[in-house]
Amino acid sequence: MTTELIILLVYLAAISLLSLIVCCYDKFAAKHLQKHRTRERTLLLLSALGGSVAMLLTMLVIRHKTKHLKFMLGIPVIMAIQLLILVFFLTR
């Protein structure tokens, strides 16, 4: 395993964990802390930065933002773009 691959895997694990934590926090805040919500653009940014799989799975498991079309279409689109980028770099 190359150093670059290890760095990428560590980064993806970290951003995925952060995405999971922020999504769970926002679900908690939605019920208990109305003034301390996470902005939707922050959730989408975490997805775009590599946490899309973790964000989508967390949303589905805890049933958070699942009625929002922006998330239920946006995150799979982000995942598809990330997959295309990955395929591009792997086939170069």
N, C-alpha and C. Protein backbone atom coordinates (compact mmCIF):
# COMPACT_ATOMS: atom_id res chain seq x y z
N MET A 1 0.86 -1.18 0.00
CA MET A 1 0.00 0.00 0.00
C MET A 1 0.90 1.24 0.00
N THR A 2 0.61 2.16 -0.90
CA THR A 2 1.44 3.35 -1.01
C THR A 2 1.09 4.37 0.08
N THR A 3 2.02 5.27 0.31
CA THR A 3 1.80 6.32 1.31
C THR A 3 0.61 7.19 0.94
N GLU A 4 0.47 7.50 -0.36
CA GLU A 4 -0.65 8.33 -0.80
C GLU A 4 -1.98 7.66 -0.52
N LEU A 5 -2.05 6.37 -0.74
CA LEU A 5 -3.30 5.64 -0.49
C LEU A 5 -3.62 5.61 1.01
N ILE A 6 -2.61 5.41 1.82
CA ILE A 6 -2.83 5.42 3.27
C ILE A 6 -3.34 6.78 3.72
N ILE A 7 -2.74 7.85 3.22
CA ILE A 7 -3.18 9.20 3.57
C ILE A 7 -4.62 9.43 3.13
N LEU A 8 -4.95 8.98 1.92
CA LEU A 8 -6.32 9.13 1.42
C LEU A 8 -7.31 8.37 2.30
N LEU A 9 -6.98 7.15 2.67
CA LEU A 9 -7.87 6.34 3.50
C LEU A 9 -8.06 6.94 4.89
N VAL A 10 -6.99 7.47 5.47
CA VAL A 10 -7.09 8.12 6.78
C VAL A 10 -7.96 9.37 6.67
N TYR A 11 -7.75 10.14 5.59
CA TYR A 11 -8.56 11.34 5.37
C TYR A 11 -10.04 10.98 5.23
N LEU A 12 -10.34 9.98 4.41
CA LEU A 12 -11.73 9.58 4.21
C LEU A 12 -12.37 9.06 5.49
N ALA A 13 -11.60 8.34 6.28
CA ALA A 13 -12.13 7.86 7.57
C ALA A 13 -12.43 9.04 8.49
N ALA A 14 -11.53 10.03 8.53
CA ALA A 14 -11.72 11.20 9.40
C ALA A 14 -12.91 12.04 8.96
N ILE A 15 -13.03 12.32 7.66
CA ILE A 15 -14.13 13.16 7.18
C ILE A 15 -15.45 12.41 7.30
N SER A 16 -15.41 11.09 7.17
CA SER A 16 -16.63 10.30 7.35
C SER A 16 -17.07 10.32 8.81
N LEU A 17 -16.13 10.20 9.72
CA LEU A 17 -16.47 10.25 11.14
C LEU A 17 -17.02 11.63 11.51
N LEU A 18 -16.38 12.68 10.99
CA LEU A 18 -16.86 14.04 11.24
C LEU A 18 -18.27 14.23 10.68
N SER A 19 -18.52 13.71 9.49
CA SER A 19 -19.85 13.81 8.87
C SER A 19 -20.90 13.11 9.72
N LEU A 20 -20.56 11.94 10.20
CA LEU A 20 -21.48 11.19 11.06
C LEU A 20 -21.79 11.97 12.34
N ILE A 21 -20.76 12.52 12.97
CA ILE A 21 -20.95 13.26 14.22
C ILE A 21 -21.80 14.51 13.99
N VAL A 22 -21.50 15.26 12.95
CA VAL A 22 -22.23 16.51 12.68
C VAL A 22 -23.69 16.21 12.33
N CYS A 23 -23.92 15.16 11.57
CA CYS A 23 -25.30 14.80 11.22
C CYS A 23 -26.09 14.38 12.46
N CYS A 24 -25.47 13.57 13.31
CA CYS A 24 -26.14 13.16 14.56
C CYS A 24 -26.38 14.35 15.48
N TYR A 25 -25.41 15.26 15.55
CA TYR A 25 -25.59 16.45 16.38
C TYR A 25 -26.76 17.28 15.86
N ASP A 26 -26.85 17.44 14.53
CA ASP A 26 -27.94 18.25 13.98
C ASP A 26 -29.29 17.60 14.25
N LYS A 27 -29.36 16.29 14.21
CA LYS A 27 -30.60 15.59 14.55
C LYS A 27 -30.98 15.87 16.00
N PHE A 28 -29.99 15.79 16.91
CA PHE A 28 -30.23 16.09 18.32
C PHE A 28 -30.67 17.55 18.48
N ALA A 29 -29.97 18.46 17.81
CA ALA A 29 -30.29 19.88 17.92
C ALA A 29 -31.68 20.19 17.37
N ALA A 30 -32.10 19.47 16.36
CA ALA A 30 -33.43 19.69 15.78
C ALA A 30 -34.52 19.44 16.81
N LYS A 31 -34.28 18.51 17.71
CA LYS A 31 -35.29 18.19 18.72
C LYS A 31 -35.12 18.98 20.01
N HIS A 32 -33.87 19.33 20.36
CA HIS A 32 -33.62 19.89 21.69
C HIS A 32 -32.99 21.28 21.71
N LEU A 33 -32.29 21.68 20.67
CA LEU A 33 -31.54 22.95 20.68
C LEU A 33 -31.84 23.76 19.43
N GLN A 34 -33.02 24.26 19.29
CA GLN A 34 -33.45 24.93 18.06
C GLN A 34 -32.49 26.03 17.58
N LYS A 35 -31.81 26.70 18.50
CA LYS A 35 -30.94 27.81 18.11
C LYS A 35 -29.56 27.36 17.66
N HIS A 36 -29.23 26.11 17.82
CA HIS A 36 -27.87 25.63 17.53
C HIS A 36 -27.85 24.58 16.43
N ARG A 37 -28.56 24.83 15.36
CA ARG A 37 -28.63 23.89 14.24
C ARG A 37 -27.41 24.03 13.34
N THR A 38 -27.09 22.96 12.65
CA THR A 38 -26.03 22.97 11.66
C THR A 38 -26.62 23.43 10.33
N ARG A 39 -25.93 24.33 9.67
CA ARG A 39 -26.43 24.81 8.37
C ARG A 39 -26.44 23.68 7.35
N GLU A 40 -27.44 23.73 6.47
CA GLU A 40 -27.54 22.70 5.43
C GLU A 40 -26.32 22.71 4.53
N ARG A 41 -25.79 23.90 4.25
CA ARG A 41 -24.61 23.96 3.38
C ARG A 41 -23.40 23.31 4.05
N THR A 42 -23.35 23.32 5.37
CA THR A 42 -22.26 22.64 6.07
C THR A 42 -22.37 21.13 5.90
N LEU A 43 -23.58 20.61 6.02
CA LEU A 43 -23.79 19.18 5.81
C LEU A 43 -23.43 18.78 4.38
N LEU A 44 -23.84 19.59 3.42
CA LEU A 44 -23.53 19.29 2.02
C LEU A 44 -22.03 19.45 1.75
N LEU A 45 -21.39 20.41 2.38
CA LEU A 45 -19.95 20.60 2.20
C LEU A 45 -19.18 19.40 2.74
N LEU A 46 -19.57 18.90 3.90
CA LEU A 46 -18.92 17.71 4.45
C LEU A 46 -19.08 16.53 3.49
N SER A 47 -20.23 16.43 2.87
CA SER A 47 -20.44 15.38 1.88
C SER A 47 -19.51 15.56 0.68
N ALA A 48 -19.43 16.78 0.20
CA ALA A 48 -18.59 17.07 -0.96
C ALA A 48 -17.10 16.86 -0.67
N LEU A 49 -16.71 17.06 0.58
CA LEU A 49 -15.30 16.89 0.96
C LEU A 49 -14.91 15.43 1.18
N GLY A 50 -15.86 14.51 0.99
CA GLY A 50 -15.53 13.10 1.08
C GLY A 50 -16.36 12.31 2.06
N GLY A 51 -17.26 12.96 2.76
CA GLY A 51 -18.08 12.25 3.74
C GLY A 51 -19.45 11.86 3.23
N SER A 52 -19.61 11.80 1.93
CA SER A 52 -20.94 11.57 1.35
C SER A 52 -21.54 10.22 1.71
N VAL A 53 -20.74 9.17 1.68
CA VAL A 53 -21.27 7.84 2.00
C VAL A 53 -21.72 7.79 3.46
N ALA A 54 -20.85 8.28 4.34
CA ALA A 54 -21.19 8.28 5.77
C ALA A 54 -22.39 9.17 6.04
N MET A 55 -22.46 10.33 5.37
CA MET A 55 -23.57 11.25 5.58
C MET A 55 -24.88 10.61 5.14
N LEU A 56 -24.90 10.01 3.97
CA LEU A 56 -26.13 9.40 3.46
C LEU A 56 -26.57 8.24 4.35
N LEU A 57 -25.65 7.38 4.72
CA LEU A 57 -26.00 6.24 5.57
C LEU A 57 -26.50 6.71 6.94
N THR A 58 -25.84 7.71 7.50
CA THR A 58 -26.27 8.25 8.80
C THR A 58 -27.66 8.85 8.69
N MET A 59 -27.90 9.63 7.64
CA MET A 59 -29.21 10.25 7.45
C MET A 59 -30.30 9.19 7.36
N LEU A 60 -30.04 8.12 6.65
CA LEU A 60 -31.03 7.07 6.50
C LEU A 60 -31.26 6.32 7.81
N VAL A 61 -30.20 6.05 8.54
CA VAL A 61 -30.33 5.29 9.79
C VAL A 61 -31.06 6.09 10.86
N ILE A 62 -30.70 7.38 11.00
CA ILE A 62 -31.34 8.18 12.06
C ILE A 62 -32.55 8.96 11.54
N ARG A 63 -32.88 8.77 10.28
CA ARG A 63 -34.01 9.44 9.62
C ARG A 63 -33.95 10.96 9.80
N HIS A 64 -32.85 11.53 9.33
CA HIS A 64 -32.64 12.97 9.41
C HIS A 64 -32.47 13.54 8.01
N LYS A 65 -33.24 14.53 7.68
CA LYS A 65 -33.21 15.21 6.37
C LYS A 65 -33.67 14.31 5.23
N THR A 66 -34.33 13.23 5.53
CA THR A 66 -34.74 12.30 4.48
C THR A 66 -35.95 12.80 3.68
N LYS A 67 -36.62 13.81 4.17
CA LYS A 67 -37.74 14.39 3.42
C LYS A 67 -37.30 15.60 2.60
N HIS A 68 -36.02 15.93 2.68
CA HIS A 68 -35.49 17.08 1.95
C HIS A 68 -34.90 16.60 0.63
N LEU A 69 -35.50 17.02 -0.47
CA LEU A 69 -35.05 16.62 -1.79
C LEU A 69 -33.60 17.04 -2.03
N LYS A 70 -33.22 18.18 -1.48
CA LYS A 70 -31.85 18.69 -1.63
C LYS A 70 -30.84 17.65 -1.14
N PHE A 71 -31.18 16.92 -0.10
CA PHE A 71 -30.27 15.94 0.46
C PHE A 71 -30.43 14.57 -0.19
N MET A 72 -31.65 14.17 -0.43
CA MET A 72 -31.89 12.83 -0.95
C MET A 72 -31.49 12.70 -2.43
N LEU A 73 -31.40 13.81 -3.13
CA LEU A 73 -30.87 13.79 -4.50
C LEU A 73 -29.44 14.33 -4.53
N GLY A 74 -29.19 15.36 -3.73
CA GLY A 74 -27.89 16.03 -3.76
C GLY A 74 -26.74 15.15 -3.33
N ILE A 75 -26.91 14.42 -2.26
CA ILE A 75 -25.80 13.59 -1.77
C ILE A 75 -25.51 12.43 -2.73
N PRO A 76 -26.51 11.73 -3.27
CA PRO A 76 -26.18 10.72 -4.28
C PRO A 76 -25.50 11.32 -5.53
N VAL A 77 -25.87 12.53 -5.91
CA VAL A 77 -25.19 13.19 -7.04
C VAL A 77 -23.74 13.46 -6.67
N ILE A 78 -23.50 13.95 -5.45
CA ILE A 78 -22.13 14.18 -4.99
C ILE A 78 -21.35 12.87 -5.02
N MET A 79 -21.98 11.79 -4.57
CA MET A 79 -21.32 10.48 -4.57
C MET A 79 -20.98 10.04 -5.99
N ALA A 80 -21.87 10.28 -6.93
CA ALA A 80 -21.62 9.89 -8.32
C ALA A 80 -20.46 10.70 -8.90
N ILE A 81 -20.41 11.98 -8.59
CA ILE A 81 -19.30 12.82 -9.07
C ILE A 81 -17.99 12.34 -8.45
N GLN A 82 -18.00 12.02 -7.17
CA GLN A 82 -16.80 11.53 -6.52
C GLN A 82 -16.35 10.20 -7.14
N LEU A 83 -17.30 9.35 -7.48
CA LEU A 83 -16.96 8.09 -8.12
C LEU A 83 -16.34 8.31 -9.49
N LEU A 84 -16.89 9.24 -10.26
CA LEU A 84 -16.32 9.57 -11.57
C LEU A 84 -14.90 10.12 -11.44
N ILE A 85 -14.66 10.95 -10.45
CA ILE A 85 -13.32 11.49 -10.22
C ILE A 85 -12.36 10.36 -9.85
N LEU A 86 -12.81 9.45 -8.99
CA LEU A 86 -11.99 8.32 -8.60
C LEU A 86 -11.64 7.45 -9.81
N VAL A 87 -12.62 7.14 -10.62
CA VAL A 87 -12.38 6.33 -11.82
C VAL A 87 -11.41 7.03 -12.76
N PHE A 88 -11.58 8.35 -12.90
CA PHE A 88 -10.68 9.12 -13.77
C PHE A 88 -9.24 8.99 -13.31
N PHE A 89 -9.01 9.16 -12.01
CA PHE A 89 -7.64 9.12 -11.50
C PHE A 89 -7.07 7.70 -11.50
N LEU A 90 -7.92 6.70 -11.33
CA LEU A 90 -7.43 5.32 -11.34
C LEU A 90 -7.10 4.83 -12.75
N THR A 91 -7.73 5.42 -13.75
CA THR A 91 -7.49 4.96 -15.13
C THR A 91 -6.49 5.82 -15.88
N ARG A 92 -5.91 6.77 -15.23
CA ARG A 92 -4.89 7.61 -15.91
C ARG A 92 -3.61 6.89 -16.08
